[in-house]
N, C-alpha and C. Protein backbone atom coordinates (compact mmCIF):
# COMPACT_ATOMS: atom_id res chain seq x y z
N MET A 1 0.90 -1.53 0.21
CA MET A 1 -0.05 0.07 0.12
C MET A 1 0.88 1.05 0.09
N LYS A 2 0.62 1.95 -0.61
CA LYS A 2 1.35 3.91 -0.73
C LYS A 2 0.85 3.89 0.55
N PHE A 3 1.87 4.80 1.06
CA PHE A 3 1.97 5.78 1.84
C PHE A 3 0.52 6.57 2.07
N ILE A 4 0.28 7.27 0.90
CA ILE A 4 -0.77 7.97 0.86
C ILE A 4 -1.92 7.55 1.50
N ASP A 5 -2.40 6.70 1.16
CA ASP A 5 -3.25 5.26 1.25
C ASP A 5 -3.27 4.77 2.33
N LEU A 6 -2.11 4.52 2.70
CA LEU A 6 -2.37 4.05 4.53
C LEU A 6 -3.40 5.11 4.95
N VAL A 7 -2.19 6.78 4.94
CA VAL A 7 -3.10 7.30 5.63
C VAL A 7 -4.09 7.68 5.86
N LYS A 8 -4.87 7.85 4.33
CA LYS A 8 -5.90 8.07 4.02
C LYS A 8 -6.87 7.08 5.16
N LYS A 9 -6.32 5.89 4.79
CA LYS A 9 -7.36 4.95 4.92
C LYS A 9 -7.52 5.09 6.59
N ARG A 10 -6.49 5.28 7.72
CA ARG A 10 -6.52 5.43 8.71
C ARG A 10 -7.04 6.48 9.72
N LYS A 11 -8.03 5.75 10.49
CA LYS A 11 -8.72 6.35 11.26
C LYS A 11 -9.01 5.76 12.64
N SER A 12 -9.61 6.87 13.58
CA SER A 12 -9.97 6.53 14.96
C SER A 12 -11.12 5.19 15.16
N THR A 13 -10.69 3.91 15.68
CA THR A 13 -11.74 2.85 15.68
C THR A 13 -12.55 3.14 17.27
N ARG A 14 -13.60 3.32 17.47
CA ARG A 14 -14.56 3.43 18.58
C ARG A 14 -15.28 2.31 18.73
N SER A 15 -15.33 0.80 18.03
CA SER A 15 -15.59 0.29 17.85
C SER A 15 -14.85 -1.19 17.70
N TYR A 16 -14.97 -2.40 18.46
CA TYR A 16 -13.83 -3.49 17.93
C TYR A 16 -14.69 -5.00 17.87
N SER A 17 -14.09 -5.48 17.45
CA SER A 17 -14.36 -7.05 17.25
C SER A 17 -14.00 -7.92 18.40
N SER A 18 -14.32 -8.94 18.99
CA SER A 18 -13.98 -9.74 19.98
C SER A 18 -12.37 -10.64 19.73
N ARG A 19 -11.93 -10.60 18.53
CA ARG A 19 -11.33 -11.18 18.29
C ARG A 19 -9.58 -10.93 18.80
N PRO A 20 -9.15 -11.81 19.05
CA PRO A 20 -7.72 -11.49 19.77
C PRO A 20 -6.98 -11.14 18.73
N VAL A 21 -5.89 -10.16 19.41
CA VAL A 21 -4.84 -9.55 18.60
C VAL A 21 -3.66 -10.65 18.87
N SER A 22 -2.74 -11.09 17.93
CA SER A 22 -1.58 -11.99 18.56
C SER A 22 -0.57 -11.24 19.31
N ARG A 23 -0.19 -11.13 19.85
CA ARG A 23 0.81 -10.92 20.34
C ARG A 23 2.33 -10.42 19.69
N GLU A 24 2.42 -11.32 18.28
CA GLU A 24 3.45 -11.38 17.36
C GLU A 24 3.43 -10.12 16.35
N LEU A 25 2.01 -9.57 15.90
CA LEU A 25 1.28 -8.49 15.55
C LEU A 25 1.10 -7.03 16.49
N ILE A 26 1.12 -6.83 17.87
CA ILE A 26 1.62 -5.98 18.68
C ILE A 26 3.10 -5.88 18.85
N ASP A 27 3.91 -6.42 18.82
CA ASP A 27 5.51 -6.99 18.49
C ASP A 27 5.86 -5.52 17.16
N GLN A 28 4.93 -6.56 16.05
CA GLN A 28 5.34 -5.61 15.14
C GLN A 28 5.10 -4.35 14.71
N CYS A 29 4.25 -3.82 15.68
CA CYS A 29 3.54 -2.10 15.72
C CYS A 29 4.70 -1.50 16.86
N LEU A 30 5.17 -2.04 17.73
CA LEU A 30 6.10 -1.73 18.91
C LEU A 30 6.81 -1.91 18.13
N ALA A 31 7.59 -2.82 17.42
CA ALA A 31 9.16 -2.75 16.69
C ALA A 31 9.08 -1.54 15.92
N VAL A 32 8.01 -1.26 15.11
CA VAL A 32 7.92 0.00 13.99
C VAL A 32 7.92 1.30 14.88
N ALA A 33 7.05 1.67 16.42
CA ALA A 33 7.13 2.86 16.75
C ALA A 33 8.71 2.49 17.42
N ARG A 34 9.13 2.17 17.76
CA ARG A 34 10.64 2.39 17.90
C ARG A 34 11.51 2.56 17.31
N LEU A 35 11.04 2.82 16.46
CA LEU A 35 12.33 3.39 14.93
C LEU A 35 11.82 4.86 15.19
N ALA A 36 10.91 5.76 15.26
CA ALA A 36 10.38 6.54 15.39
C ALA A 36 11.64 7.46 15.71
N PRO A 37 11.96 8.74 14.77
CA PRO A 37 13.05 9.46 15.28
C PRO A 37 12.53 10.57 16.67
N SER A 38 13.63 10.78 17.62
CA SER A 38 12.92 11.65 18.66
C SER A 38 14.38 12.72 18.94
N ALA A 39 13.82 13.67 19.68
CA ALA A 39 14.72 14.63 19.88
C ALA A 39 16.03 14.38 20.50
N CYS A 40 17.56 14.78 20.04
CA CYS A 40 18.38 14.15 20.59
C CYS A 40 18.66 12.63 20.35
N ASN A 41 18.14 12.13 19.54
CA ASN A 41 18.06 9.92 19.75
C ASN A 41 16.86 10.21 21.22
N SER A 42 16.90 10.63 21.89
CA SER A 42 16.07 10.69 23.66
C SER A 42 15.58 9.25 23.28
N GLN A 43 14.48 8.95 22.43
CA GLN A 43 13.75 7.59 22.59
C GLN A 43 12.94 7.62 24.42
N PRO A 44 12.14 8.78 24.18
CA PRO A 44 11.60 9.15 25.79
C PRO A 44 10.36 8.63 25.68
N TRP A 45 10.42 6.70 25.56
CA TRP A 45 8.45 6.27 25.99
C TRP A 45 9.34 5.24 25.62
N SER A 46 7.64 4.13 26.40
CA SER A 46 8.22 2.75 27.01
C SER A 46 6.86 2.68 26.86
N PHE A 47 6.34 1.57 26.38
CA PHE A 47 5.33 0.72 26.30
C PHE A 47 4.68 -0.55 26.78
N ILE A 48 3.79 -0.03 27.54
CA ILE A 48 3.38 -1.65 28.67
C ILE A 48 1.54 -1.99 27.68
N VAL A 49 1.88 -3.10 27.49
CA VAL A 49 0.60 -3.87 26.56
C VAL A 49 0.13 -4.43 27.54
N VAL A 50 -1.51 -4.19 27.65
CA VAL A 50 -2.18 -4.60 28.37
C VAL A 50 -3.18 -5.76 27.38
N ASP A 51 -2.84 -6.80 27.94
CA ASP A 51 -4.05 -7.74 26.48
C ASP A 51 -4.54 -8.86 27.90
N ASP A 52 -4.55 -8.45 28.95
CA ASP A 52 -5.31 -9.69 30.21
C ASP A 52 -6.34 -9.03 30.24
N GLU A 53 -7.56 -9.46 29.64
CA GLU A 53 -9.01 -9.12 30.01
C GLU A 53 -9.08 -8.59 31.50
N GLN A 54 -8.69 -9.35 32.12
CA GLN A 54 -9.43 -8.78 33.92
C GLN A 54 -8.37 -7.30 33.76
N THR A 55 -7.19 -6.96 33.51
CA THR A 55 -6.65 -5.82 34.43
C THR A 55 -6.98 -4.80 33.08
N LYS A 56 -7.73 -5.21 31.39
CA LYS A 56 -7.96 -4.49 30.96
C LYS A 56 -9.49 -3.78 31.54
N ASN A 57 -10.31 -4.75 31.54
CA ASN A 57 -11.50 -4.16 32.25
C ASN A 57 -11.50 -3.26 33.88
N ARG A 58 -10.46 -4.08 34.41
CA ARG A 58 -10.20 -2.66 35.59
C ARG A 58 -9.76 -1.35 35.20
N ILE A 59 -8.67 -0.96 34.20
CA ILE A 59 -8.57 0.07 33.59
C ILE A 59 -9.45 1.00 33.17
N VAL A 60 -10.81 -0.07 32.44
CA VAL A 60 -11.86 0.88 32.12
C VAL A 60 -12.64 1.14 32.79
N LYS A 61 -13.22 0.19 33.99
CA LYS A 61 -13.81 0.48 35.13
C LYS A 61 -13.04 1.87 36.10
N GLU A 62 -11.65 1.70 36.14
CA GLU A 62 -11.40 2.78 36.88
C GLU A 62 -10.95 4.01 36.60
N ALA A 63 -10.28 3.97 34.82
CA ALA A 63 -9.48 5.31 34.53
C ALA A 63 -10.83 5.58 33.41
N LEU A 64 -11.55 5.12 33.30
CA LEU A 64 -12.72 5.75 31.71
C LEU A 64 -13.77 5.30 32.37
N SER A 65 -14.25 5.90 33.55
CA SER A 65 -15.39 6.49 33.86
C SER A 65 -16.02 7.50 34.19
N GLY A 66 -16.98 7.98 34.77
CA GLY A 66 -17.16 9.44 35.75
C GLY A 66 -16.99 10.09 34.39
N ILE A 67 -16.25 11.54 34.84
CA ILE A 67 -16.39 12.33 33.55
C ILE A 67 -15.20 11.90 32.65
N TYR A 68 -14.65 10.41 32.65
CA TYR A 68 -14.08 10.11 31.42
C TYR A 68 -14.66 9.22 30.36
N ARG A 69 -16.33 8.85 30.94
CA ARG A 69 -16.84 8.01 30.68
C ARG A 69 -16.88 7.87 29.09
N SER A 70 -16.65 9.34 27.79
CA SER A 70 -16.84 9.15 26.75
C SER A 70 -15.79 7.92 26.07
N ASN A 71 -15.02 7.44 27.02
CA ASN A 71 -13.93 6.69 26.09
C ASN A 71 -14.00 4.84 26.54
N HIS A 72 -15.28 5.42 26.92
CA HIS A 72 -15.59 3.61 27.50
C HIS A 72 -15.90 2.56 26.54
N PHE A 73 -15.84 3.11 25.53
CA PHE A 73 -16.04 2.08 24.19
C PHE A 73 -14.36 1.01 24.06
N VAL A 74 -13.64 1.55 24.83
CA VAL A 74 -12.34 1.16 25.10
C VAL A 74 -12.75 -0.29 25.51
N LYS A 75 -13.16 -0.57 26.39
CA LYS A 75 -13.80 -1.95 26.91
C LYS A 75 -14.10 -2.96 25.64
N GLU A 76 -14.26 -2.45 24.71
CA GLU A 76 -14.61 -3.58 23.25
C GLU A 76 -12.62 -4.03 23.07
N ALA A 77 -12.02 -3.03 23.09
CA ALA A 77 -10.78 -3.40 22.38
C ALA A 77 -9.79 -4.73 23.23
N PRO A 78 -9.20 -5.70 22.51
CA PRO A 78 -8.88 -6.98 22.98
C PRO A 78 -7.70 -6.06 24.06
N VAL A 79 -6.43 -5.16 23.25
CA VAL A 79 -5.22 -4.59 23.76
C VAL A 79 -5.89 -3.19 24.20
N ILE A 80 -4.97 -3.30 25.28
CA ILE A 80 -4.41 -1.05 25.40
C ILE A 80 -3.62 -1.03 25.28
N ILE A 81 -2.58 -0.29 25.12
CA ILE A 81 -1.28 0.01 25.01
C ILE A 81 -1.16 1.22 25.95
N VAL A 82 -0.20 1.33 27.01
CA VAL A 82 -0.37 2.23 27.98
C VAL A 82 0.96 3.34 27.39
N VAL A 83 1.12 4.34 27.14
CA VAL A 83 2.33 4.59 26.57
C VAL A 83 3.02 5.70 28.03
N LEU A 84 3.82 5.51 28.46
CA LEU A 84 4.45 5.60 29.58
C LEU A 84 6.00 6.96 29.05
N THR A 85 5.76 8.42 29.26
CA THR A 85 6.51 9.47 29.16
C THR A 85 7.47 9.06 29.98
N GLU A 86 9.12 8.75 29.48
CA GLU A 86 10.19 8.74 29.93
C GLU A 86 10.87 10.15 29.87
N ASN A 87 12.00 10.43 30.44
CA ASN A 87 13.34 11.29 30.13
C ASN A 87 13.71 11.65 28.64
N SER A 88 13.75 12.89 29.09
CA SER A 88 14.41 12.95 27.39
C SER A 88 16.13 13.45 27.74
N THR A 89 16.91 13.65 26.69
CA THR A 89 18.17 13.27 27.40
C THR A 89 18.36 14.86 28.03
N TYR A 90 19.35 14.77 28.74
CA TYR A 90 19.64 16.37 29.14
C TYR A 90 19.95 17.62 27.68
N ILE A 91 20.85 16.95 26.95
CA ILE A 91 20.51 18.09 25.81
C ILE A 91 18.88 18.36 25.24
N ALA A 92 18.32 17.84 24.89
CA ALA A 92 17.02 17.93 24.40
C ALA A 92 16.11 18.21 25.37
N ARG A 93 16.41 18.41 26.44
CA ARG A 93 15.68 18.87 28.39
C ARG A 93 15.99 20.54 27.97
N MET A 94 17.56 20.01 28.03
CA MET A 94 17.74 21.61 27.67
C MET A 94 17.50 22.97 26.83
N GLY A 95 17.10 22.30 25.71
CA GLY A 95 16.75 22.71 24.77
C GLY A 95 15.41 22.69 24.48
N GLY A 96 14.72 22.20 25.35
CA GLY A 96 12.86 22.17 25.37
C GLY A 96 12.61 23.73 26.23
N MET A 97 13.77 23.45 27.15
CA MET A 97 13.42 25.03 28.22
C MET A 97 13.79 26.09 28.07
N LEU A 98 14.67 26.09 26.89
CA LEU A 98 15.18 27.25 26.33
C LEU A 98 14.02 27.61 25.02
N ARG A 99 13.31 26.42 24.68
CA ARG A 99 12.15 26.82 23.65
C ARG A 99 10.78 26.77 23.99
N GLY A 100 10.91 26.45 25.65
CA GLY A 100 8.97 26.38 25.84
C GLY A 100 8.85 24.81 25.27
N VAL A 101 9.11 24.09 24.91
CA VAL A 101 8.91 23.15 24.25
C VAL A 101 9.14 21.47 25.00
N GLN A 102 7.70 20.56 25.04
CA GLN A 102 8.16 19.69 25.86
C GLN A 102 8.60 18.45 24.11
N TYR A 103 9.81 18.56 24.60
CA TYR A 103 10.04 17.74 23.17
C TYR A 103 9.85 16.29 23.17
N ASN A 104 9.86 15.95 24.15
CA ASN A 104 9.45 14.28 24.73
C ASN A 104 7.96 13.68 24.53
N LEU A 105 7.28 14.94 24.41
CA LEU A 105 5.92 14.68 23.90
C LEU A 105 6.15 14.51 22.34
N ILE A 106 6.74 15.77 22.26
CA ILE A 106 6.18 15.17 20.30
C ILE A 106 6.84 14.18 19.99
N ASP A 107 7.99 13.74 20.50
CA ASP A 107 8.86 12.61 20.41
C ASP A 107 7.48 11.59 20.10
N ILE A 108 6.93 11.40 21.58
CA ILE A 108 5.84 10.33 21.73
C ILE A 108 4.68 10.27 20.75
N GLY A 109 4.84 11.13 20.34
CA GLY A 109 3.69 11.38 19.26
C GLY A 109 3.86 11.26 17.70
N ILE A 110 4.79 11.65 17.43
CA ILE A 110 5.70 10.96 16.67
C ILE A 110 5.44 9.33 16.42
N ALA A 111 6.07 8.63 17.68
CA ALA A 111 5.99 6.94 17.85
C ALA A 111 4.75 6.69 17.77
N CYS A 112 3.85 7.14 18.44
CA CYS A 112 2.62 6.48 19.00
C CYS A 112 1.74 6.68 17.17
N ASP A 113 2.19 7.39 16.39
CA ASP A 113 1.49 7.96 15.07
C ASP A 113 2.07 6.41 13.85
N HIS A 114 3.36 5.89 14.54
CA HIS A 114 4.10 5.26 13.73
C HIS A 114 3.55 3.57 13.88
N PHE A 115 3.24 3.52 15.47
CA PHE A 115 2.18 2.31 15.89
C PHE A 115 0.90 2.45 15.11
N THR A 116 0.18 3.73 15.21
CA THR A 116 -1.45 3.50 14.80
C THR A 116 -0.70 2.93 12.84
N LEU A 117 0.00 3.73 12.34
CA LEU A 117 -0.08 3.13 11.21
C LEU A 117 0.42 1.70 10.69
N GLN A 118 1.18 1.29 11.26
CA GLN A 118 1.87 -0.17 11.54
C GLN A 118 0.39 -1.32 11.46
N ALA A 119 -0.56 -0.78 12.98
CA ALA A 119 -1.48 -0.93 12.91
C ALA A 119 -2.26 -1.19 11.78
N GLU A 120 -2.68 0.01 11.52
CA GLU A 120 -3.34 0.05 10.15
C GLU A 120 -3.32 -1.05 8.87
N GLU A 121 -1.83 -0.99 8.90
CA GLU A 121 -1.55 -1.64 7.43
C GLU A 121 -1.70 -2.90 8.13
N LEU A 122 -1.40 -3.38 9.04
CA LEU A 122 -1.89 -5.01 9.70
C LEU A 122 -2.88 -5.26 9.83
N GLY A 123 -4.56 -4.09 9.33
CA GLY A 123 -5.93 -4.59 9.31
C GLY A 123 -6.30 -4.49 11.10
N LEU A 124 -5.55 -3.82 11.78
CA LEU A 124 -5.73 -3.01 12.93
C LEU A 124 -6.55 -2.04 12.86
N GLY A 125 -7.09 -2.07 13.80
CA GLY A 125 -8.08 -0.54 14.42
C GLY A 125 -7.47 0.15 15.90
N THR A 126 -7.23 1.08 15.75
CA THR A 126 -6.73 2.00 16.69
C THR A 126 -7.05 3.26 17.34
N CYS A 127 -7.12 3.66 18.44
CA CYS A 127 -7.60 5.10 19.02
C CYS A 127 -6.85 5.59 19.54
N TRP A 128 -6.27 6.84 19.73
CA TRP A 128 -5.62 7.52 20.81
C TRP A 128 -6.58 8.11 21.93
N LEU A 129 -6.08 7.89 22.82
CA LEU A 129 -6.66 8.03 24.59
C LEU A 129 -6.01 9.32 25.10
N GLY A 130 -6.18 10.30 25.32
CA GLY A 130 -5.57 11.45 26.11
C GLY A 130 -6.45 11.27 27.46
N TRP A 131 -7.59 11.45 26.95
CA TRP A 131 -8.82 11.42 28.03
C TRP A 131 -8.85 10.21 28.89
N PHE A 132 -8.47 9.95 30.32
CA PHE A 132 -8.64 9.32 31.03
C PHE A 132 -8.01 9.80 32.61
N ASN A 133 -8.65 9.06 33.73
CA ASN A 133 -7.73 8.75 34.86
C ASN A 133 -6.82 8.27 34.86
N GLU A 134 -5.47 9.04 34.87
CA GLU A 134 -3.74 8.71 34.99
C GLU A 134 -3.47 7.88 36.36
N ASP A 135 -3.86 8.32 37.31
CA ASP A 135 -3.65 7.81 38.48
C ASP A 135 -3.97 6.57 38.68
N ALA A 136 -5.31 5.88 38.14
CA ALA A 136 -6.12 4.52 38.06
C ALA A 136 -5.34 3.91 37.38
N VAL A 137 -4.53 4.66 36.77
CA VAL A 137 -3.83 3.63 35.69
C VAL A 137 -2.54 3.32 35.87
N LYS A 138 -2.21 4.61 36.60
CA LYS A 138 -0.61 3.87 37.40
C LYS A 138 -1.21 2.64 38.38
N LYS A 139 -2.22 3.17 39.20
CA LYS A 139 -3.20 2.25 40.72
C LYS A 139 -3.07 0.68 39.64
N THR A 140 -3.61 0.61 38.81
CA THR A 140 -4.03 -0.59 38.21
C THR A 140 -3.13 -1.67 38.06
N LEU A 141 -1.86 -0.93 37.46
CA LEU A 141 -0.76 -1.29 36.92
C LEU A 141 0.42 -1.54 38.02
N GLY A 142 0.07 -0.73 39.31
CA GLY A 142 1.01 -0.94 40.36
C GLY A 142 2.38 0.08 39.80
N LEU A 143 2.42 1.31 39.32
CA LEU A 143 2.93 2.03 38.73
C LEU A 143 3.10 3.04 40.08
N SER A 144 4.60 3.59 39.78
CA SER A 144 5.26 4.89 40.32
C SER A 144 4.30 5.71 40.33
N LYS A 145 3.80 6.72 41.27
CA LYS A 145 3.06 7.91 41.32
C LYS A 145 3.64 9.24 40.27
N LYS A 146 5.01 9.23 40.41
CA LYS A 146 6.00 9.64 39.66
C LYS A 146 6.02 9.35 37.85
N THR A 147 5.29 8.49 37.93
CA THR A 147 5.31 7.58 35.95
C THR A 147 4.61 8.76 35.76
N ARG A 148 4.91 9.22 34.54
CA ARG A 148 4.15 9.78 33.71
C ARG A 148 3.39 8.98 31.95
N ILE A 149 2.05 9.40 32.39
CA ILE A 149 1.27 8.80 31.16
C ILE A 149 0.26 9.45 30.69
N ASP A 150 0.80 10.38 28.77
CA ASP A 150 0.21 10.87 28.18
C ASP A 150 -0.85 10.44 27.49
N VAL A 151 -0.27 9.34 26.86
CA VAL A 151 -1.57 8.27 25.93
C VAL A 151 -1.44 7.07 26.06
N MET A 152 -2.66 6.39 25.95
CA MET A 152 -3.18 5.23 25.91
C MET A 152 -3.48 5.51 24.20
N ILE A 153 -3.58 3.84 23.53
CA ILE A 153 -3.54 3.86 22.17
C ILE A 153 -4.61 2.24 22.44
N SER A 154 -5.70 2.16 22.40
CA SER A 154 -6.48 0.95 22.17
C SER A 154 -6.32 0.33 20.59
N LEU A 155 -6.20 -0.97 21.02
CA LEU A 155 -5.83 -1.67 19.59
C LEU A 155 -7.06 -3.10 19.70
N GLY A 156 -6.92 -3.06 17.83
CA GLY A 156 -8.27 -4.57 18.34
C GLY A 156 -8.35 -5.12 16.50
N TYR A 157 -9.25 -5.72 16.20
CA TYR A 157 -9.56 -5.77 14.95
C TYR A 157 -11.22 -4.88 14.67
N PRO A 158 -11.13 -3.92 13.90
CA PRO A 158 -12.34 -3.39 13.89
C PRO A 158 -13.54 -4.02 14.01
N GLY A 159 -14.67 -3.25 14.79
CA GLY A 159 -15.77 -3.86 14.20
C GLY A 159 -16.66 -3.23 13.25
N ALA A 160 -17.93 -3.15 13.59
CA ALA A 160 -19.26 -2.57 12.80
C ALA A 160 -18.69 -1.05 11.99
N GLU A 161 -18.14 -0.95 11.39
CA GLU A 161 -17.95 0.01 10.10
C GLU A 161 -18.69 1.82 10.46
N THR A 162 -18.50 2.55 10.56
CA THR A 162 -19.04 3.85 11.01
C THR A 162 -19.28 4.46 9.78
N GLY A 163 -18.70 4.32 8.30
CA GLY A 163 -19.01 5.03 7.55
C GLY A 163 -18.31 6.54 7.26
N LYS A 164 -17.75 6.56 8.40
CA LYS A 164 -17.77 8.15 8.40
C LYS A 164 -16.66 8.32 7.99
N THR A 165 -16.48 9.44 7.31
CA THR A 165 -15.63 10.54 5.94
C THR A 165 -14.82 10.96 7.12
N LYS A 166 -13.04 11.47 6.72
CA LYS A 166 -12.33 12.07 7.32
C LYS A 166 -12.73 13.62 6.86
N ILE A 167 -12.91 14.31 7.91
CA ILE A 167 -13.19 15.70 7.38
C ILE A 167 -11.91 17.04 7.61
N ARG A 168 -11.36 17.05 6.50
CA ARG A 168 -9.78 17.90 6.92
C ARG A 168 -9.81 18.89 5.85
N LYS A 169 -9.78 20.33 6.62
CA LYS A 169 -9.43 21.70 6.05
C LYS A 169 -8.89 21.33 4.89
N PRO A 170 -9.04 22.27 3.87
CA PRO A 170 -8.50 22.22 2.58
C PRO A 170 -6.97 22.47 2.44
N LEU A 171 -5.94 21.82 1.76
CA LEU A 171 -4.71 21.88 1.14
C LEU A 171 -4.49 23.48 1.84
N ASN A 172 -5.15 24.56 0.70
CA ASN A 172 -4.71 25.85 0.78
C ASN A 172 -5.13 26.48 2.08
N LYS A 173 -6.05 26.16 3.09
CA LYS A 173 -6.38 26.80 3.92
C LYS A 173 -5.17 25.92 5.83
N VAL A 174 -4.47 25.33 5.46
CA VAL A 174 -3.13 24.79 6.12
C VAL A 174 -2.21 25.40 6.25
N HIS A 175 -1.68 26.09 4.56
CA HIS A 175 -0.25 26.35 4.31
C HIS A 175 -0.23 27.79 3.59
N ARG A 176 1.40 28.50 3.80
CA ARG A 176 1.30 29.26 2.82
C ARG A 176 2.78 29.09 2.61
N TYR A 177 3.54 29.58 1.23
CA TYR A 177 4.52 29.84 0.55
C TYR A 177 4.82 31.46 1.45
N TYR A 178 6.12 31.65 2.09
CA TYR A 178 6.89 32.62 1.94
C TYR A 178 8.04 33.47 0.50
N LYS A 179 7.41 34.25 0.53
CA LYS A 179 8.17 35.18 -0.42
C LYS A 179 8.60 36.54 -0.51
N ASP A 180 9.86 36.57 -0.32
CA ASP A 180 10.59 37.83 -0.68
C ASP A 180 9.92 39.06 0.57
N GLY A 181 9.25 38.45 1.79
CA GLY A 181 9.16 39.62 2.72
C GLY A 181 7.62 39.18 3.12
N SER A 182 7.07 38.50 2.73
CA SER A 182 5.57 38.47 2.58
C SER A 182 4.83 36.88 3.20
N LEU A 183 3.89 36.78 3.52
CA LEU A 183 3.12 35.50 3.47
C LEU A 183 1.86 35.47 2.77
């Protein structure tokens, strides 16, 4: 599949079949994610794969309820990928402080995008999750309070198709060329 076709095909999946996802396919997605570029080669990420149904259900119950209920669809997904934000290298952190940029979050975004695109190529659906009770996830997985979780990804074979098409701004609304001192 051409890259442009893969990007056009990939969309957030909010309905999953109960078909399990093999660890071999999960590992393929993780292998591609780890190849993502990062500021000063920091690679400030690690991934926890939750494919145990009991633990996954506890995460859904504790971390995706109440005000976080909009992501309750994750209960259908056979896998949740918990993305831990690790420290960047010293030089990347210093550069980020000087510029007011959290490079580790940009880096994680690139790695997660690699993950989701690889999943799409393998016929798997994903959905980025940024709205969840982080403390509940840490407690469920026995992680330190200092651990930072900025993203989770639901993963599985897509269920019922929504038929929804991507709506994107036209190209001429998202760019401009600089020429002779003007935009």
